Amino acid sequence: MATTDYYELLGVSRDVSESDLKKAYRKLAVKYHPDKNPGDEAAEAKFKEISEAYDVLKDADKRAAYDRYGHAAFKQGGMGNPSGGMGGMGGHDPFDIFREAFGGGGGGGGGIFEEFFGGGGGGRGQAGGAAHGSDLRYDLEISLEEAAKGTEKEIRYRRPVECKKCTGSGAEPGSKKVTCPTCGGAGQVTSNRGFISFRQACPSCHGAGQSIDKPCGDCRGEGRVMDSSTVKVRIPAGVATGSKLRSAGKGEAGQMGGQAGDLYIIIHVKEHELFERHDNDLFCEVPIKFTLAALGGSIKVPTLFGKGSLKIPAGTQTGTTFRLRDQGIPYLRGNGKGDLLIRVQVEVPTKLKSDQKQKLEEYAEACGDPANPVSESFVEKAKKFFR
């Protein structure tokens, strides 16, 4: 247990509100989180101290007991022991703050954050005091080509895994579980408020009715430790930004041998230098020579699956859009692909050689361009403005 005043640890006043208490804890938890301070034992110890303080102060009953009796309120056999015979960390999960901070939102590319998915995260009780591990989130950035063709990625991230020394039990090898001295094995305690009695889960054993005689030295009684994990993920063709893939059992290991959570991979597709994606269709602009636009012909155009051929009719105007069937993104569910939409931009030469300029002048004269520089249809529409 921490011996420093809990309010001082979190840098708040004794009359701090619940929301300000949570903000203060989030700030410190982010600063001292083991993922941000790998190998720093001092930071890890600080992280667990502030987690212990927050575990007490966020609970109205525990906070009232602490305000009245100080640390003595939570010594073994006291009004409620946050350590619960589990090496000082008790039932408070030090990763909860990150689920609150990032639950439902994406982070930057390649980062790993914990969050609940559909209420599936930590805290799902299991027999014997075990708790279901929380789901994790990993944001993965891929290229448009990879989204169109599908790919396989290997991702590396850190997560709480089952402690090898105690195999997740939280108990030092050879030790045993003992009846909780606070609740006498009932798993519940009764408190009286005037004429009314309230029954609630025991704050020492969290309803298990038992506590660990000697907590594991490696995991400090939690049954899990932080470690790096590697997972191969198959990404199907057709995924888009926001697509969610699930890897079962690759989330947090459960506490006290509980079932592991899942890993959710959130896809982010990078912008492409040539193509824009609109659902399953792709769009791009292709420049063509003005002679090709006038005379017609065929050109090679880029696609995500190689080169394609596009026929340009004679007299094509700039801004005309053509469609290449089945050259877009495959449908994630179902058969077929979207289309590739190509809008042509007619290029006008900015520099002409003397012979080229002469021939264009002859062409302009043959068309009557100097006398009538715009089309007759436009002139007819514009006449009403000059009456």
Protein backbone atom coordinates (compact mmCIF):
# COMPACT_ATOMS: atom_id res chain seq x y z
CA MET A 1 0.00 0.00 0.00
CA ALA A 2 1.06 3.57 -0.64
CA THR A 3 1.89 5.52 2.51
CA THR A 4 1.73 8.99 0.99
CA ASP A 5 -1.57 10.84 1.38
CA TYR A 6 -3.85 9.79 -1.47
CA TYR A 7 -4.93 13.36 -2.18
CA GLU A 8 -1.29 14.48 -2.36
CA LEU A 9 -0.44 11.58 -4.67
CA LEU A 10 -3.08 12.74 -7.15
CA GLY A 11 -2.38 16.44 -6.59
CA VAL A 12 -5.96 17.33 -5.64
CA SER A 13 -7.70 18.94 -2.69
CA ARG A 14 -9.75 16.94 -0.18
CA ASP A 15 -12.99 18.41 -1.53
CA VAL A 16 -12.19 17.53 -5.18
CA SER A 17 -15.18 16.64 -7.35
CA GLU A 18 -15.55 13.24 -9.02
CA SER A 19 -14.87 14.65 -12.52
CA ASP A 20 -11.79 16.63 -11.41
CA LEU A 21 -10.50 13.55 -9.57
CA LYS A 22 -10.81 11.49 -12.76
CA LYS A 23 -9.04 14.19 -14.82
CA ALA A 24 -6.15 14.35 -12.36
CA TYR A 25 -5.78 10.56 -12.40
CA ARG A 26 -5.89 10.37 -16.19
CA LYS A 27 -3.10 12.94 -16.51
CA LEU A 28 -0.83 11.11 -14.07
CA ALA A 29 -1.72 7.65 -15.40
CA VAL A 30 -0.77 8.64 -18.94
CA LYS A 31 2.52 10.10 -17.65
CA TYR A 32 3.57 7.05 -15.62
CA HIS A 33 1.98 4.25 -17.67
CA PRO A 34 4.41 1.30 -18.16
CA ASP A 35 3.99 1.46 -21.95
CA LYS A 36 5.41 4.99 -21.93
CA ASN A 37 8.18 4.10 -19.49
CA PRO A 38 9.42 0.63 -20.47
CA GLY A 39 11.86 -0.78 -17.93
CA ASP A 40 11.40 2.14 -15.52
CA GLU A 41 10.58 0.49 -12.19
CA ALA A 42 10.14 3.85 -10.44
CA ALA A 43 7.49 4.91 -12.96
CA GLU A 44 5.74 1.54 -12.64
CA ALA A 45 5.68 1.87 -8.85
CA LYS A 46 4.33 5.41 -9.14
CA PHE A 47 1.67 4.21 -11.57
CA LYS A 48 0.48 1.59 -9.12
CA GLU A 49 0.47 4.06 -6.23
CA ILE A 50 -1.75 6.57 -8.04
CA SER A 51 -3.98 3.70 -9.23
CA GLU A 52 -4.37 2.56 -5.63
CA ALA A 53 -5.20 6.11 -4.54
CA TYR A 54 -7.78 6.53 -7.29
CA ASP A 55 -9.33 3.15 -6.47
CA VAL A 56 -10.08 4.41 -2.97
CA LEU A 57 -11.08 8.01 -3.66
CA LYS A 58 -13.42 7.24 -6.59
CA ASP A 59 -15.54 5.02 -4.30
CA ALA A 60 -17.78 7.08 -2.00
CA ASP A 61 -17.71 4.57 0.87
CA LYS A 62 -13.97 3.97 0.69
CA ARG A 63 -13.31 7.69 0.44
CA ALA A 64 -15.44 8.38 3.51
CA ALA A 65 -13.54 5.72 5.45
CA TYR A 66 -10.20 7.12 4.29
CA ASP A 67 -11.17 10.68 5.20
CA ARG A 68 -12.03 9.48 8.70
CA TYR A 69 -9.34 6.90 9.47
CA GLY A 70 -6.62 7.47 6.86
CA HIS A 71 -4.57 4.47 5.71
CA ALA A 72 -5.53 2.59 8.87
CA ALA A 73 -9.02 2.11 7.41
CA PHE A 74 -7.62 -0.32 4.86
CA LYS A 75 -5.17 -2.37 6.87
CA GLN A 76 -5.87 -6.11 7.00
CA GLY A 77 -9.07 -6.62 8.97
CA GLY A 78 -10.01 -2.95 8.71
CA MET A 79 -13.14 -1.41 7.19
CA GLY A 80 -12.07 -2.36 3.69
CA ASN A 81 -8.71 -3.32 2.28
CA PRO A 82 -7.96 -2.11 -1.27
CA SER A 83 -4.99 -4.43 -1.41
CA GLY A 84 -7.28 -7.40 -0.77
CA GLY A 85 -4.27 -9.59 -0.01
CA MET A 86 -3.17 -9.19 -3.64
CA GLY A 87 0.09 -7.32 -3.37
CA GLY A 88 -1.33 -3.80 -3.12
CA MET A 89 -3.33 -3.66 -6.35
CA GLY A 90 -6.57 -5.29 -5.17
CA GLY A 91 -9.49 -5.48 -7.55
CA HIS A 92 -8.72 -2.14 -9.20
CA ASP A 93 -7.50 -2.66 -12.72
CA PRO A 94 -4.77 -0.04 -13.41
CA PHE A 95 -5.69 -0.10 -17.13
CA ASP A 96 -9.28 1.10 -16.52
CA ILE A 97 -8.34 4.74 -17.05
CA PHE A 98 -7.27 4.06 -20.62
CA ARG A 99 -10.54 2.32 -21.39
CA GLU A 100 -12.35 5.42 -20.12
CA ALA A 101 -10.07 7.79 -22.00
CA PHE A 102 -10.10 5.98 -25.36
CA GLY A 103 -13.31 3.96 -25.30
CA GLY A 104 -14.85 4.51 -28.74
CA GLY A 105 -12.22 6.65 -30.44
CA GLY A 106 -9.21 6.05 -32.65
CA GLY A 107 -5.74 6.97 -32.02
CA GLY A 108 -2.92 7.59 -34.35
CA GLY A 109 -1.61 5.01 -36.78
CA GLY A 110 0.22 2.09 -35.20
CA GLY A 111 -0.65 2.83 -31.57
CA ILE A 112 -2.26 0.42 -29.08
CA PHE A 113 -5.03 1.43 -26.68
CA GLU A 114 -7.42 -0.51 -24.49
CA GLU A 115 -11.16 -0.02 -24.68
CA PHE A 116 -14.48 -1.76 -24.17
CA PHE A 117 -16.26 -3.18 -27.22
CA GLY A 118 -19.95 -3.60 -26.66
CA GLY A 119 -19.47 -3.90 -22.90
CA GLY A 120 -17.18 -6.89 -23.44
CA GLY A 121 -14.25 -5.45 -21.47
CA GLY A 122 -12.80 -6.17 -18.05
CA GLY A 123 -14.94 -6.82 -15.06
CA ARG A 124 -17.02 -9.72 -16.36
CA GLY A 125 -17.01 -11.87 -13.27
CA GLN A 126 -16.15 -15.54 -13.27
CA ALA A 127 -16.14 -18.19 -10.60
CA GLY A 128 -13.46 -18.05 -7.90
CA GLY A 129 -12.84 -14.29 -8.20
CA ALA A 130 -11.52 -14.52 -11.78
CA ALA A 131 -12.27 -11.57 -14.04
CA HIS A 132 -12.60 -11.58 -17.83
CA GLY A 133 -9.78 -9.71 -19.57
CA SER A 134 -10.57 -6.52 -21.43
CA ASP A 135 -10.68 -6.15 -25.20
CA LEU A 136 -7.90 -4.15 -26.87
CA ARG A 137 -7.83 -1.85 -29.91
CA TYR A 138 -5.05 -1.54 -32.49
CA ASP A 139 -5.15 1.11 -35.25
CA LEU A 140 -3.56 -0.19 -38.46
CA GLU A 141 -2.80 1.92 -41.53
CA ILE A 142 -2.70 0.24 -44.96
CA SER A 143 -2.39 1.42 -48.56
CA LEU A 144 -5.26 1.65 -51.05
CA GLU A 145 -3.64 -1.16 -53.07
CA GLU A 146 -3.65 -3.40 -49.99
CA ALA A 147 -7.28 -2.54 -49.32
CA ALA A 148 -8.18 -3.48 -52.91
CA LYS A 149 -6.22 -6.72 -53.12
CA GLY A 150 -6.17 -7.91 -49.51
CA THR A 151 -3.00 -8.53 -47.54
CA GLU A 152 -1.53 -10.06 -44.40
CA LYS A 153 0.10 -7.96 -41.68
CA GLU A 154 2.08 -8.81 -38.59
CA ILE A 155 1.43 -6.42 -35.72
CA ARG A 156 3.30 -6.08 -32.44
CA TYR A 157 1.80 -4.58 -29.29
CA ARG A 158 2.01 -4.73 -25.50
CA ARG A 159 -0.65 -6.24 -23.30
CA PRO A 160 -1.16 -7.89 -19.91
CA VAL A 161 -0.50 -11.63 -20.34
CA GLU A 162 -0.82 -14.55 -17.95
CA CYS A 163 1.99 -14.65 -15.38
CA LYS A 164 4.14 -17.71 -16.11
CA LYS A 165 5.31 -18.09 -12.54
CA CYS A 166 1.84 -18.49 -11.00
CA THR A 167 0.03 -19.51 -14.25
CA GLY A 168 -2.45 -16.71 -13.68
CA SER A 169 -3.56 -17.65 -10.18
CA GLY A 170 -1.87 -14.67 -8.54
CA ALA A 171 -0.49 -16.94 -5.80
CA GLU A 172 3.16 -17.75 -5.14
CA PRO A 173 3.83 -21.42 -6.03
CA GLY A 174 3.15 -23.57 -2.96
CA SER A 175 0.93 -20.98 -1.29
CA LYS A 176 -2.80 -21.32 -0.91
CA LYS A 177 -5.95 -19.27 -0.78
CA VAL A 178 -7.34 -18.46 2.66
CA THR A 179 -10.75 -17.39 3.85
CA CYS A 180 -11.12 -13.61 3.58
CA PRO A 181 -10.83 -12.17 7.10
CA THR A 182 -13.03 -9.19 6.26
CA CYS A 183 -16.17 -11.07 5.19
CA GLY A 184 -15.40 -14.46 6.73
CA GLY A 185 -15.74 -16.15 3.35
CA ALA A 186 -19.24 -14.83 2.64
CA GLY A 187 -18.09 -12.57 -0.18
CA GLN A 188 -20.37 -9.82 1.12
CA VAL A 189 -20.33 -7.36 3.97
CA THR A 190 -23.18 -5.58 5.73
CA SER A 191 -23.13 -1.93 6.70
CA ASN A 192 -25.75 -0.19 8.80
CA ARG A 193 -26.97 3.32 8.13
CA GLY A 194 -29.46 4.23 10.75
CA PHE A 195 -32.26 1.68 10.64
CA ILE A 196 -31.30 0.42 7.19
CA SER A 197 -28.80 -2.35 6.45
CA PHE A 198 -26.96 -2.59 3.15
CA ARG A 199 -25.24 -5.68 1.72
CA GLN A 200 -22.47 -5.27 -0.84
CA ALA A 201 -19.52 -7.15 -2.30
CA CYS A 202 -16.65 -7.43 0.13
CA PRO A 203 -14.11 -4.66 -0.64
CA SER A 204 -11.21 -6.94 0.34
CA CYS A 205 -11.90 -10.06 -1.73
CA HIS A 206 -14.36 -8.44 -4.20
CA GLY A 207 -16.96 -11.13 -3.65
CA ALA A 208 -14.66 -14.16 -3.97
CA GLY A 209 -14.76 -15.01 -0.26
CA GLN A 210 -11.05 -15.89 -0.41
CA SER A 211 -7.75 -14.04 -0.52
CA ILE A 212 -4.24 -15.14 -1.42
CA ASP A 213 -2.04 -16.29 1.42
CA LYS A 214 1.17 -15.25 -0.35
CA PRO A 215 0.88 -13.16 -3.56
CA CYS A 216 3.10 -14.05 -6.52
CA GLY A 217 6.29 -12.01 -6.53
CA ASP A 218 6.36 -11.55 -10.32
CA CYS A 219 2.82 -10.24 -10.86
CA ARG A 220 2.21 -9.00 -7.29
CA GLY A 221 -0.89 -11.09 -7.00
CA GLU A 222 -2.64 -9.89 -10.14
CA GLY A 223 -2.04 -13.05 -12.14
CA ARG A 224 -0.72 -11.21 -15.18
CA VAL A 225 2.25 -9.10 -16.31
CA MET A 226 2.91 -6.70 -19.19
CA ASP A 227 4.61 -8.27 -22.22
CA SER A 228 4.93 -7.84 -25.99
CA SER A 229 2.74 -9.90 -28.32
CA THR A 230 2.84 -10.51 -32.07
CA VAL A 231 -0.20 -11.38 -34.16
CA LYS A 232 -0.61 -12.07 -37.88
CA VAL A 233 -3.76 -10.55 -39.32
CA ARG A 234 -5.33 -11.44 -42.67
CA ILE A 235 -6.95 -8.36 -44.19
CA PRO A 236 -9.62 -9.20 -46.80
CA ALA A 237 -9.97 -7.30 -50.06
CA GLY A 238 -12.52 -4.51 -49.89
CA VAL A 239 -11.88 -3.15 -46.40
CA ALA A 240 -12.32 0.59 -45.83
CA THR A 241 -11.34 3.07 -43.17
CA GLY A 242 -13.24 2.11 -40.04
CA SER A 243 -13.44 -1.61 -40.86
CA LYS A 244 -12.99 -3.67 -37.68
CA LEU A 245 -11.24 -7.06 -37.55
CA ARG A 246 -11.31 -9.30 -34.46
CA SER A 247 -8.61 -11.64 -33.16
CA ALA A 248 -10.17 -13.78 -30.44
CA GLY A 249 -8.27 -14.20 -27.18
CA LYS A 250 -5.53 -11.73 -28.12
CA GLY A 251 -6.67 -8.98 -25.75
CA GLU A 252 -5.83 -8.65 -22.08
CA ALA A 253 -5.34 -11.83 -20.08
CA GLY A 254 -8.03 -12.19 -17.44
CA GLN A 255 -7.25 -11.53 -13.79
CA MET A 256 -6.81 -14.51 -11.47
CA GLY A 257 -6.90 -16.92 -14.42
CA GLY A 258 -9.96 -15.40 -16.07
CA GLN A 259 -10.68 -15.69 -19.79
CA ALA A 260 -8.69 -13.37 -22.09
CA GLY A 261 -10.33 -10.56 -24.00
CA ASP A 262 -10.17 -10.02 -27.77
CA LEU A 263 -8.03 -7.78 -29.98
CA TYR A 264 -9.84 -5.47 -32.41
CA ILE A 265 -7.88 -4.10 -35.37
CA ILE A 266 -9.29 -0.85 -36.78
CA ILE A 267 -8.34 -0.23 -40.42
CA HIS A 268 -7.23 3.17 -41.74
CA VAL A 269 -6.67 3.39 -45.53
CA LYS A 270 -4.08 5.97 -46.61
CA GLU A 271 -4.89 8.53 -49.30
CA HIS A 272 -3.61 7.65 -52.77
CA GLU A 273 -1.68 10.03 -55.02
CA LEU A 274 -3.77 9.16 -58.11
CA PHE A 275 -7.09 7.68 -57.01
CA GLU A 276 -9.93 8.88 -54.82
CA ARG A 277 -12.23 6.29 -53.32
CA HIS A 278 -16.01 6.72 -53.25
CA ASP A 279 -17.48 3.62 -51.61
CA ASN A 280 -16.35 0.86 -54.01
CA ASP A 281 -15.76 3.14 -57.01
CA LEU A 282 -12.44 4.83 -57.77
CA PHE A 283 -12.02 8.23 -59.40
CA CYS A 284 -9.05 9.84 -61.13
CA GLU A 285 -8.22 12.59 -63.61
CA VAL A 286 -6.14 11.89 -66.72
CA PRO A 287 -4.60 14.62 -68.93
CA ILE A 288 -4.83 14.14 -72.72
CA LYS A 289 -3.43 16.08 -75.69
CA PHE A 290 -5.85 18.45 -77.38
CA THR A 291 -5.08 16.76 -80.71
CA LEU A 292 -6.21 13.42 -79.25
CA ALA A 293 -9.37 15.06 -77.92
CA ALA A 294 -10.10 16.47 -81.37
CA LEU A 295 -9.17 13.46 -83.51
CA GLY A 296 -9.95 10.61 -81.10
CA GLY A 297 -7.91 7.51 -80.32
CA SER A 298 -6.95 5.18 -77.47
CA ILE A 299 -4.71 5.70 -74.42
CA LYS A 300 -3.34 3.57 -71.62
CA VAL A 301 -4.60 4.54 -68.16
CA PRO A 302 -3.50 3.39 -64.69
CA THR A 303 -5.66 1.12 -62.53
CA LEU A 304 -4.99 -0.50 -59.16
CA PHE A 305 -4.70 -3.85 -60.95
CA GLY A 306 -2.38 -2.84 -63.81
CA LYS A 307 -2.83 -0.81 -66.99
CA GLY A 308 -6.15 -0.36 -68.75
CA SER A 309 -7.14 0.88 -72.18
CA LEU A 310 -9.50 3.83 -72.69
CA LYS A 311 -11.04 4.82 -76.02
CA ILE A 312 -11.31 8.59 -76.56
CA PRO A 313 -13.99 9.56 -79.12
CA ALA A 314 -13.23 12.39 -81.55
CA GLY A 315 -14.38 15.74 -80.24
CA THR A 316 -14.06 14.85 -76.54
CA GLN A 317 -14.36 17.90 -74.31
CA THR A 318 -12.38 18.55 -71.15
CA GLY A 319 -14.21 17.27 -68.05
CA THR A 320 -15.77 14.31 -69.87
CA THR A 321 -15.98 11.28 -67.57
CA PHE A 322 -15.52 7.69 -68.74
CA ARG A 323 -16.25 4.49 -66.83
CA LEU A 324 -14.11 1.34 -66.75
CA ARG A 325 -16.22 -1.49 -65.40
CA ASP A 326 -14.92 -3.73 -62.56
CA GLN A 327 -11.73 -1.73 -62.05
CA GLY A 328 -12.71 -0.43 -58.63
CA ILE A 329 -12.62 -1.89 -55.10
CA PRO A 330 -14.01 -5.42 -54.52
CA TYR A 331 -17.16 -5.66 -52.44
CA LEU A 332 -16.25 -6.82 -48.94
CA ARG A 333 -19.42 -8.91 -48.70
CA GLY A 334 -20.52 -10.33 -52.01
CA ASN A 335 -19.12 -10.70 -55.50
CA GLY A 336 -17.91 -8.16 -58.01
CA LYS A 337 -16.08 -4.85 -57.89
CA GLY A 338 -16.85 -1.18 -58.21
CA ASP A 339 -15.88 0.85 -61.28
CA LEU A 340 -13.07 3.23 -62.19
CA LEU A 341 -14.30 6.68 -63.24
CA ILE A 342 -11.83 8.65 -65.37
CA ARG A 343 -12.31 12.35 -66.06
CA VAL A 344 -10.14 13.69 -68.88
CA GLN A 345 -8.54 17.10 -68.81
CA VAL A 346 -7.58 18.44 -72.25
CA GLU A 347 -4.10 19.96 -72.11
CA VAL A 348 -3.46 23.15 -74.08
CA PRO A 349 0.19 23.62 -75.13
CA THR A 350 1.88 26.63 -73.51
CA LYS A 351 4.89 26.76 -75.86
CA LEU A 352 4.75 26.33 -79.65
CA LYS A 353 7.48 26.11 -82.25
CA SER A 354 7.20 28.45 -85.21
CA ASP A 355 6.00 25.76 -87.61
CA GLN A 356 3.46 24.51 -85.05
CA LYS A 357 2.16 28.03 -84.50
CA GLN A 358 1.86 28.59 -88.24
CA LYS A 359 -0.17 25.44 -88.75
CA LEU A 360 -2.50 26.33 -85.85
CA GLU A 361 -3.02 29.79 -87.31
CA GLU A 362 -3.92 28.21 -90.66
CA TYR A 363 -6.34 25.88 -88.84
CA ALA A 364 -7.88 28.80 -86.95
CA GLU A 365 -8.31 30.76 -90.16
CA ALA A 366 -9.93 27.77 -91.87
CA CYS A 367 -12.38 27.51 -88.96
CA GLY A 368 -13.10 31.22 -88.97
CA ASP A 369 -11.79 31.51 -85.43
CA PRO A 370 -10.45 35.09 -85.62
CA ALA A 371 -13.87 36.38 -86.66
CA ASN A 372 -15.87 34.19 -84.33
CA PRO A 373 -13.73 33.00 -81.34
CA VAL A 374 -16.63 31.29 -79.52
CA SER A 375 -19.18 28.71 -80.63
CA GLU A 376 -22.39 29.85 -82.34
CA SER A 377 -24.54 28.16 -79.69
CA PHE A 378 -22.94 30.27 -76.97
CA VAL A 379 -23.44 33.44 -79.02
CA GLU A 380 -27.15 32.70 -79.41
CA LYS A 381 -27.52 32.18 -75.64
CA ALA A 382 -25.59 35.35 -74.83
CA LYS A 383 -27.55 37.67 -77.20
CA LYS A 384 -30.21 38.44 -74.58
CA PHE A 385 -27.59 40.12 -72.37
CA PHE A 386 -26.75 42.65 -75.10
CA ARG A 387 -30.22 43.77 -76.10
